[in-house]
Amino acid sequence: MQEHRGSPRVWIGLAVRRYPLGFFMLASRNLLLVLVLVLVAALAVTGYSLYREKKQPDGVEISVGKNGLSIKEK
């Protein structure tokens, strides 16, 4: 059976000869590291926004607008 130059088996063979297996392992390890860092950053941003939301001061809000003075209890 003769393989054509465009077949997937030929391209995989060329890739393996050109890049050793260690290259693919290193690339997948780097990809995993990037995914973990992105997830940690997203978790940190979410945690900080929740912290800021909870930290809103309790008490009274006084504002002056078109309708005059308004006082709201929080």
N, C-alpha and C. Protein backbone atom coordinates (compact mmCIF):
# COMPACT_ATOMS: atom_id res chain seq x y z
N MET A 1 0.84 -1.18 0.00
CA MET A 1 0.00 0.00 0.00
C MET A 1 0.90 1.25 0.00
N GLN A 2 0.68 2.09 -0.97
CA GLN A 2 1.48 3.29 -1.08
C GLN A 2 0.73 4.47 -0.47
N GLU A 3 1.44 5.25 0.35
CA GLU A 3 0.79 6.40 1.00
C GLU A 3 1.01 7.64 0.15
N HIS A 4 0.01 8.47 0.13
CA HIS A 4 0.12 9.73 -0.59
C HIS A 4 0.81 10.75 0.28
N ARG A 5 1.39 11.72 -0.36
CA ARG A 5 2.15 12.73 0.37
C ARG A 5 1.27 13.56 1.31
N GLY A 6 0.00 13.70 1.01
CA GLY A 6 -0.88 14.52 1.82
C GLY A 6 -1.60 13.76 2.92
N SER A 7 -1.29 12.47 3.08
CA SER A 7 -2.02 11.69 4.08
C SER A 7 -1.57 12.08 5.49
N PRO A 8 -2.46 11.94 6.49
CA PRO A 8 -2.12 12.31 7.87
C PRO A 8 -0.94 11.53 8.42
N ARG A 9 -0.81 10.27 8.02
CA ARG A 9 0.28 9.44 8.54
C ARG A 9 1.64 10.01 8.12
N VAL A 10 1.73 10.52 6.89
CA VAL A 10 2.98 11.11 6.42
C VAL A 10 3.28 12.39 7.19
N TRP A 11 2.29 13.22 7.40
CA TRP A 11 2.50 14.48 8.13
C TRP A 11 2.90 14.22 9.57
N ILE A 12 2.30 13.22 10.22
CA ILE A 12 2.68 12.89 11.60
C ILE A 12 4.11 12.40 11.63
N GLY A 13 4.46 11.58 10.64
CA GLY A 13 5.85 11.09 10.56
C GLY A 13 6.83 12.23 10.39
N LEU A 14 6.51 13.19 9.55
CA LEU A 14 7.39 14.34 9.36
C LEU A 14 7.50 15.17 10.63
N ALA A 15 6.39 15.33 11.35
CA ALA A 15 6.41 16.12 12.58
C ALA A 15 7.25 15.44 13.65
N VAL A 16 7.15 14.12 13.74
CA VAL A 16 7.92 13.40 14.75
C VAL A 16 9.40 13.47 14.43
N ARG A 17 9.76 13.39 13.16
CA ARG A 17 11.16 13.50 12.80
C ARG A 17 11.69 14.90 13.03
N ARG A 18 10.85 15.89 12.78
CA ARG A 18 11.31 17.28 12.90
C ARG A 18 11.36 17.74 14.36
N TYR A 19 10.37 17.37 15.15
CA TYR A 19 10.30 17.76 16.55
C TYR A 19 10.33 16.49 17.40
N PRO A 20 11.30 16.34 18.27
CA PRO A 20 11.32 15.15 19.13
C PRO A 20 10.14 15.16 20.10
N LEU A 21 9.85 14.01 20.67
CA LEU A 21 8.71 13.86 21.57
C LEU A 21 8.80 14.82 22.76
N GLY A 22 10.00 15.12 23.21
CA GLY A 22 10.18 16.04 24.34
C GLY A 22 9.62 17.42 24.05
N PHE A 23 9.66 17.83 22.79
CA PHE A 23 9.12 19.14 22.42
C PHE A 23 7.62 19.19 22.68
N PHE A 24 6.92 18.11 22.28
CA PHE A 24 5.47 18.08 22.48
C PHE A 24 5.11 18.00 23.96
N MET A 25 5.92 17.28 24.74
CA MET A 25 5.67 17.19 26.18
C MET A 25 5.89 18.54 26.83
N LEU A 26 6.93 19.24 26.42
CA LEU A 26 7.21 20.56 26.96
C LEU A 26 6.10 21.54 26.59
N ALA A 27 5.62 21.47 25.35
CA ALA A 27 4.55 22.36 24.91
C ALA A 27 3.27 22.08 25.68
N SER A 28 2.94 20.82 25.91
CA SER A 28 1.73 20.51 26.65
C SER A 28 1.87 20.91 28.11
N ARG A 29 3.06 20.78 28.66
CA ARG A 29 3.29 21.20 30.05
C ARG A 29 3.15 22.72 30.17
N ASN A 30 3.68 23.45 29.19
CA ASN A 30 3.54 24.91 29.20
C ASN A 30 2.08 25.33 29.05
N LEU A 31 1.34 24.63 28.20
CA LEU A 31 -0.08 24.92 28.02
C LEU A 31 -0.84 24.68 29.32
N LEU A 32 -0.52 23.60 30.00
CA LEU A 32 -1.16 23.30 31.29
C LEU A 32 -0.84 24.39 32.30
N LEU A 33 0.40 24.84 32.34
CA LEU A 33 0.81 25.91 33.26
C LEU A 33 0.04 27.21 32.96
N VAL A 34 -0.10 27.54 31.69
CA VAL A 34 -0.83 28.75 31.31
C VAL A 34 -2.30 28.65 31.72
N LEU A 35 -2.91 27.48 31.50
CA LEU A 35 -4.31 27.29 31.90
C LEU A 35 -4.49 27.43 33.40
N VAL A 36 -3.58 26.86 34.18
CA VAL A 36 -3.66 26.97 35.64
C VAL A 36 -3.51 28.42 36.07
N LEU A 37 -2.57 29.14 35.48
CA LEU A 37 -2.37 30.55 35.83
C LEU A 37 -3.59 31.40 35.48
N VAL A 38 -4.22 31.13 34.35
CA VAL A 38 -5.42 31.87 33.96
C VAL A 38 -6.55 31.59 34.95
N LEU A 39 -6.71 30.34 35.35
CA LEU A 39 -7.76 30.00 36.33
C LEU A 39 -7.50 30.65 37.68
N VAL A 40 -6.24 30.67 38.12
CA VAL A 40 -5.90 31.31 39.40
C VAL A 40 -6.17 32.82 39.31
N ALA A 41 -5.82 33.44 38.20
CA ALA A 41 -6.07 34.88 38.04
C ALA A 41 -7.57 35.17 38.03
N ALA A 42 -8.36 34.34 37.35
CA ALA A 42 -9.81 34.54 37.34
C ALA A 42 -10.40 34.39 38.73
N LEU A 43 -9.91 33.41 39.48
CA LEU A 43 -10.37 33.21 40.85
C LEU A 43 -10.01 34.40 41.73
N ALA A 44 -8.81 34.94 41.54
CA ALA A 44 -8.38 36.10 42.32
C ALA A 44 -9.24 37.33 42.01
N VAL A 45 -9.53 37.56 40.75
CA VAL A 45 -10.36 38.71 40.35
C VAL A 45 -11.77 38.57 40.91
N THR A 46 -12.33 37.36 40.84
CA THR A 46 -13.67 37.12 41.37
C THR A 46 -13.69 37.32 42.88
N GLY A 47 -12.70 36.80 43.57
CA GLY A 47 -12.62 36.98 45.02
C GLY A 47 -12.49 38.43 45.41
N TYR A 48 -11.67 39.19 44.69
CA TYR A 48 -11.50 40.61 45.01
C TYR A 48 -12.79 41.39 44.77
N SER A 49 -13.50 41.08 43.69
CA SER A 49 -14.74 41.81 43.43
C SER A 49 -15.80 41.47 44.49
N LEU A 50 -15.85 40.23 44.94
CA LEU A 50 -16.77 39.87 46.02
C LEU A 50 -16.38 40.56 47.32
N TYR A 51 -15.09 40.65 47.59
CA TYR A 51 -14.61 41.34 48.79
C TYR A 51 -15.01 42.81 48.77
N ARG A 52 -14.83 43.47 47.62
CA ARG A 52 -15.20 44.89 47.52
C ARG A 52 -16.70 45.10 47.67
N GLU A 53 -17.48 44.16 47.14
CA GLU A 53 -18.94 44.27 47.25
C GLU A 53 -19.39 44.14 48.70
N LYS A 54 -18.79 43.22 49.42
CA LYS A 54 -19.16 43.02 50.82
C LYS A 54 -18.65 44.15 51.70
N LYS A 55 -17.58 44.82 51.27
CA LYS A 55 -16.95 45.85 52.10
C LYS A 55 -17.68 47.20 52.02
N GLN A 56 -18.71 47.30 51.22
CA GLN A 56 -19.44 48.56 51.13
C GLN A 56 -19.88 48.98 52.54
N PRO A 57 -19.63 50.23 52.89
CA PRO A 57 -19.93 50.67 54.27
C PRO A 57 -21.43 50.66 54.56
N ASP A 58 -21.75 50.21 55.77
CA ASP A 58 -23.13 50.27 56.24
C ASP A 58 -23.36 51.64 56.85
N GLY A 59 -24.60 52.07 56.89
CA GLY A 59 -24.91 53.35 57.50
C GLY A 59 -25.89 54.14 56.67
N VAL A 60 -25.61 55.43 56.56
CA VAL A 60 -26.53 56.35 55.90
C VAL A 60 -25.84 56.99 54.70
N GLU A 61 -26.57 57.10 53.59
CA GLU A 61 -26.07 57.77 52.40
C GLU A 61 -26.83 59.08 52.23
N ILE A 62 -26.10 60.18 52.18
CA ILE A 62 -26.71 61.50 52.01
C ILE A 62 -26.29 62.03 50.65
N SER A 63 -27.26 62.43 49.83
CA SER A 63 -26.93 62.98 48.52
C SER A 63 -27.82 64.18 48.23
N VAL A 64 -27.26 65.10 47.44
CA VAL A 64 -27.99 66.30 47.03
C VAL A 64 -28.18 66.20 45.53
N GLY A 65 -29.44 66.26 45.09
CA GLY A 65 -29.74 66.16 43.67
C GLY A 65 -30.76 67.20 43.25
N LYS A 66 -31.41 66.96 42.11
CA LYS A 66 -32.41 67.88 41.58
C LYS A 66 -33.60 68.00 42.53
N ASN A 67 -33.93 66.93 43.19
CA ASN A 67 -35.09 66.93 44.09
C ASN A 67 -34.74 67.39 45.49
N GLY A 68 -33.54 67.89 45.69
CA GLY A 68 -33.13 68.35 47.00
C GLY A 68 -32.27 67.33 47.72
N LEU A 69 -32.35 67.37 49.03
CA LEU A 69 -31.55 66.51 49.91
C LEU A 69 -32.25 65.15 50.05
N SER A 70 -31.50 64.05 49.88
CA SER A 70 -32.08 62.72 50.10
C SER A 70 -31.18 61.94 51.04
N ILE A 71 -31.79 61.25 51.96
CA ILE A 71 -31.08 60.44 52.94
C ILE A 71 -31.59 59.03 52.84
N LYS A 72 -30.67 58.09 52.59
CA LYS A 72 -31.04 56.69 52.46
C LYS A 72 -30.25 55.88 53.49
N GLU A 73 -30.95 54.94 54.12
CA GLU A 73 -30.27 54.06 55.07
C GLU A 73 -29.84 52.81 54.31
N LYS A 74 -28.63 52.40 54.53
CA LYS A 74 -28.11 51.21 53.84
C LYS A 74 -28.27 49.99 54.69
